[in-house]
Amino acid sequence: MRLSRVMEVSMLISAAIPILVLSVLASGPFRDSMPVFIATLAPLAAVLSLFILICALEAGGGNRDNRQ
């Protein structure tokens, strides 16, 4: 994997983890104190950040088995 690709994946992961944590907090224990627009967008942000993390893991940990 080239260095620029590694940097892109690491930036994606470093952006997705805080989004995931904040959205889980917004849709979980702090649901009553959040504004309505944040409470409606928090589950979507959680799903999207999990999708980004899973895609980054799949792209970074590919199986290099060339047998056919």
N, C-alpha and C. Protein backbone atom coordinates (compact mmCIF):
# COMPACT_ATOMS: atom_id res chain seq x y z
N MET A 1 0.85 -1.17 0.00
CA MET A 1 0.00 0.00 0.00
C MET A 1 0.90 1.23 0.00
N ARG A 2 0.59 2.17 -0.83
CA ARG A 2 1.40 3.37 -0.89
C ARG A 2 1.18 4.22 0.35
N LEU A 3 2.13 5.11 0.59
CA LEU A 3 2.09 5.96 1.77
C LEU A 3 0.89 6.88 1.76
N SER A 4 0.53 7.42 0.60
CA SER A 4 -0.62 8.32 0.54
C SER A 4 -1.91 7.58 0.86
N ARG A 5 -2.02 6.33 0.44
CA ARG A 5 -3.21 5.53 0.73
C ARG A 5 -3.29 5.25 2.24
N VAL A 6 -2.16 4.98 2.85
CA VAL A 6 -2.13 4.74 4.30
C VAL A 6 -2.55 6.01 5.04
N MET A 7 -2.09 7.15 4.58
CA MET A 7 -2.46 8.42 5.21
C MET A 7 -3.95 8.69 5.08
N GLU A 8 -4.53 8.38 3.90
CA GLU A 8 -5.96 8.58 3.70
C GLU A 8 -6.77 7.69 4.64
N VAL A 9 -6.38 6.45 4.76
CA VAL A 9 -7.10 5.52 5.63
C VAL A 9 -6.97 5.94 7.09
N SER A 10 -5.79 6.37 7.50
CA SER A 10 -5.61 6.78 8.89
C SER A 10 -6.39 8.06 9.19
N MET A 11 -6.48 8.98 8.24
CA MET A 11 -7.28 10.18 8.45
C MET A 11 -8.76 9.83 8.53
N LEU A 12 -9.20 8.89 7.71
CA LEU A 12 -10.59 8.46 7.74
C LEU A 12 -10.93 7.82 9.08
N ILE A 13 -10.04 6.99 9.58
CA ILE A 13 -10.27 6.34 10.87
C ILE A 13 -10.24 7.35 12.00
N SER A 14 -9.29 8.29 11.94
CA SER A 14 -9.22 9.29 13.02
C SER A 14 -10.41 10.24 12.99
N ALA A 15 -11.09 10.36 11.88
CA ALA A 15 -12.31 11.17 11.83
C ALA A 15 -13.53 10.36 12.25
N ALA A 16 -13.54 9.07 11.93
CA ALA A 16 -14.72 8.25 12.20
C ALA A 16 -14.86 7.88 13.67
N ILE A 17 -13.77 7.69 14.36
CA ILE A 17 -13.86 7.28 15.77
C ILE A 17 -14.50 8.36 16.65
N PRO A 18 -14.08 9.63 16.57
CA PRO A 18 -14.78 10.64 17.39
C PRO A 18 -16.25 10.81 17.00
N ILE A 19 -16.56 10.69 15.71
CA ILE A 19 -17.96 10.78 15.28
C ILE A 19 -18.76 9.66 15.90
N LEU A 20 -18.21 8.46 15.90
CA LEU A 20 -18.90 7.32 16.48
C LEU A 20 -19.13 7.53 17.98
N VAL A 21 -18.12 7.95 18.68
CA VAL A 21 -18.24 8.14 20.13
C VAL A 21 -19.26 9.24 20.45
N LEU A 22 -19.18 10.36 19.77
CA LEU A 22 -20.12 11.45 20.04
C LEU A 22 -21.55 11.09 19.66
N SER A 23 -21.72 10.36 18.57
CA SER A 23 -23.08 9.99 18.18
C SER A 23 -23.68 8.95 19.13
N VAL A 24 -22.85 8.06 19.63
CA VAL A 24 -23.37 7.09 20.62
C VAL A 24 -23.74 7.81 21.91
N LEU A 25 -22.94 8.77 22.32
CA LEU A 25 -23.29 9.55 23.51
C LEU A 25 -24.55 10.35 23.30
N ALA A 26 -24.71 10.91 22.10
CA ALA A 26 -25.90 11.73 21.82
C ALA A 26 -27.16 10.89 21.74
N SER A 27 -27.05 9.66 21.26
CA SER A 27 -28.24 8.83 21.16
C SER A 27 -28.43 7.94 22.38
N GLY A 28 -27.51 7.97 23.30
CA GLY A 28 -27.60 7.13 24.48
C GLY A 28 -27.85 7.91 25.75
N PRO A 29 -26.85 8.05 26.61
CA PRO A 29 -27.08 8.61 27.94
C PRO A 29 -27.42 10.10 27.97
N PHE A 30 -27.02 10.85 26.94
CA PHE A 30 -27.29 12.29 26.94
C PHE A 30 -28.42 12.67 25.99
N ARG A 31 -29.30 11.75 25.71
CA ARG A 31 -30.38 11.97 24.75
C ARG A 31 -31.30 13.11 25.17
N ASP A 32 -31.59 13.25 26.44
CA ASP A 32 -32.53 14.28 26.89
C ASP A 32 -31.94 15.68 26.84
N SER A 33 -30.63 15.82 26.90
CA SER A 33 -30.03 17.14 26.93
C SER A 33 -29.55 17.62 25.56
N MET A 34 -29.69 16.80 24.52
CA MET A 34 -29.24 17.18 23.18
C MET A 34 -30.35 17.91 22.43
N PRO A 35 -29.98 18.85 21.55
CA PRO A 35 -30.99 19.47 20.68
C PRO A 35 -31.62 18.43 19.75
N VAL A 36 -32.79 18.73 19.25
CA VAL A 36 -33.56 17.77 18.47
C VAL A 36 -32.82 17.36 17.19
N PHE A 37 -32.20 18.32 16.49
CA PHE A 37 -31.54 17.97 15.23
C PHE A 37 -30.34 17.05 15.45
N ILE A 38 -29.66 17.20 16.58
CA ILE A 38 -28.54 16.30 16.89
C ILE A 38 -29.07 14.92 17.24
N ALA A 39 -30.16 14.87 17.98
CA ALA A 39 -30.73 13.58 18.38
C ALA A 39 -31.23 12.80 17.17
N THR A 40 -31.70 13.49 16.13
CA THR A 40 -32.18 12.77 14.95
C THR A 40 -31.02 12.34 14.05
N LEU A 41 -29.93 13.09 14.04
CA LEU A 41 -28.80 12.75 13.19
C LEU A 41 -27.79 11.80 13.85
N ALA A 42 -27.86 11.65 15.15
CA ALA A 42 -26.88 10.82 15.87
C ALA A 42 -26.90 9.36 15.44
N PRO A 43 -28.05 8.70 15.30
CA PRO A 43 -28.02 7.30 14.85
C PRO A 43 -27.45 7.16 13.44
N LEU A 44 -27.76 8.09 12.56
CA LEU A 44 -27.22 8.05 11.20
C LEU A 44 -25.70 8.22 11.22
N ALA A 45 -25.22 9.13 12.03
CA ALA A 45 -23.78 9.34 12.13
C ALA A 45 -23.08 8.09 12.70
N ALA A 46 -23.72 7.43 13.64
CA ALA A 46 -23.14 6.21 14.20
C ALA A 46 -23.03 5.11 13.15
N VAL A 47 -24.07 4.93 12.37
CA VAL A 47 -24.05 3.90 11.33
C VAL A 47 -23.02 4.23 10.25
N LEU A 48 -22.96 5.48 9.83
CA LEU A 48 -21.99 5.87 8.80
C LEU A 48 -20.55 5.73 9.28
N SER A 49 -20.29 6.09 10.52
CA SER A 49 -18.92 5.96 11.03
C SER A 49 -18.53 4.50 11.20
N LEU A 50 -19.46 3.65 11.61
CA LEU A 50 -19.16 2.21 11.67
C LEU A 50 -18.88 1.65 10.28
N PHE A 51 -19.64 2.11 9.29
CA PHE A 51 -19.41 1.68 7.91
C PHE A 51 -18.02 2.10 7.44
N ILE A 52 -17.62 3.33 7.75
CA ILE A 52 -16.30 3.81 7.37
C ILE A 52 -15.21 2.98 8.04
N LEU A 53 -15.37 2.70 9.33
CA LEU A 53 -14.37 1.90 10.04
C LEU A 53 -14.26 0.49 9.48
N ILE A 54 -15.38 -0.13 9.16
CA ILE A 54 -15.36 -1.48 8.61
C ILE A 54 -14.72 -1.49 7.23
N CYS A 55 -15.05 -0.50 6.41
CA CYS A 55 -14.44 -0.41 5.08
C CYS A 55 -12.94 -0.18 5.19
N ALA A 56 -12.51 0.63 6.14
CA ALA A 56 -11.09 0.88 6.31
C ALA A 56 -10.37 -0.38 6.77
N LEU A 57 -11.00 -1.14 7.65
CA LEU A 57 -10.39 -2.40 8.08
C LEU A 57 -10.30 -3.41 6.94
N GLU A 58 -11.34 -3.47 6.13
CA GLU A 58 -11.33 -4.39 5.00
C GLU A 58 -10.27 -3.99 3.97
N ALA A 59 -10.11 -2.72 3.73
CA ALA A 59 -9.13 -2.26 2.75
C ALA A 59 -7.70 -2.43 3.26
N GLY A 60 -7.51 -2.24 4.55
CA GLY A 60 -6.17 -2.33 5.10
C GLY A 60 -5.70 -3.73 5.39
N GLY A 61 -6.60 -4.63 5.67
CA GLY A 61 -6.22 -5.98 6.05
C GLY A 61 -6.58 -7.01 5.01
N GLY A 62 -6.42 -6.67 3.76
CA GLY A 62 -6.80 -7.58 2.67
C GLY A 62 -5.96 -8.84 2.68
N ASN A 63 -6.56 -9.92 2.29
CA ASN A 63 -5.88 -11.21 2.18
C ASN A 63 -5.03 -11.21 0.92
N ARG A 64 -3.76 -11.44 1.06
CA ARG A 64 -2.85 -11.39 -0.08
C ARG A 64 -2.61 -12.79 -0.67
N ASP A 65 -3.55 -13.67 -0.50
CA ASP A 65 -3.44 -15.02 -1.02
C ASP A 65 -3.73 -15.02 -2.53
N ASN A 66 -2.73 -15.36 -3.33
CA ASN A 66 -2.87 -15.30 -4.78
C ASN A 66 -3.19 -16.66 -5.41
N ARG A 67 -3.49 -17.65 -4.61
CA ARG A 67 -3.85 -18.96 -5.16
C ARG A 67 -5.19 -18.88 -5.86
N GLN A 68 -5.33 -19.66 -6.94
CA GLN A 68 -6.60 -19.68 -7.66
C GLN A 68 -7.12 -21.07 -7.79
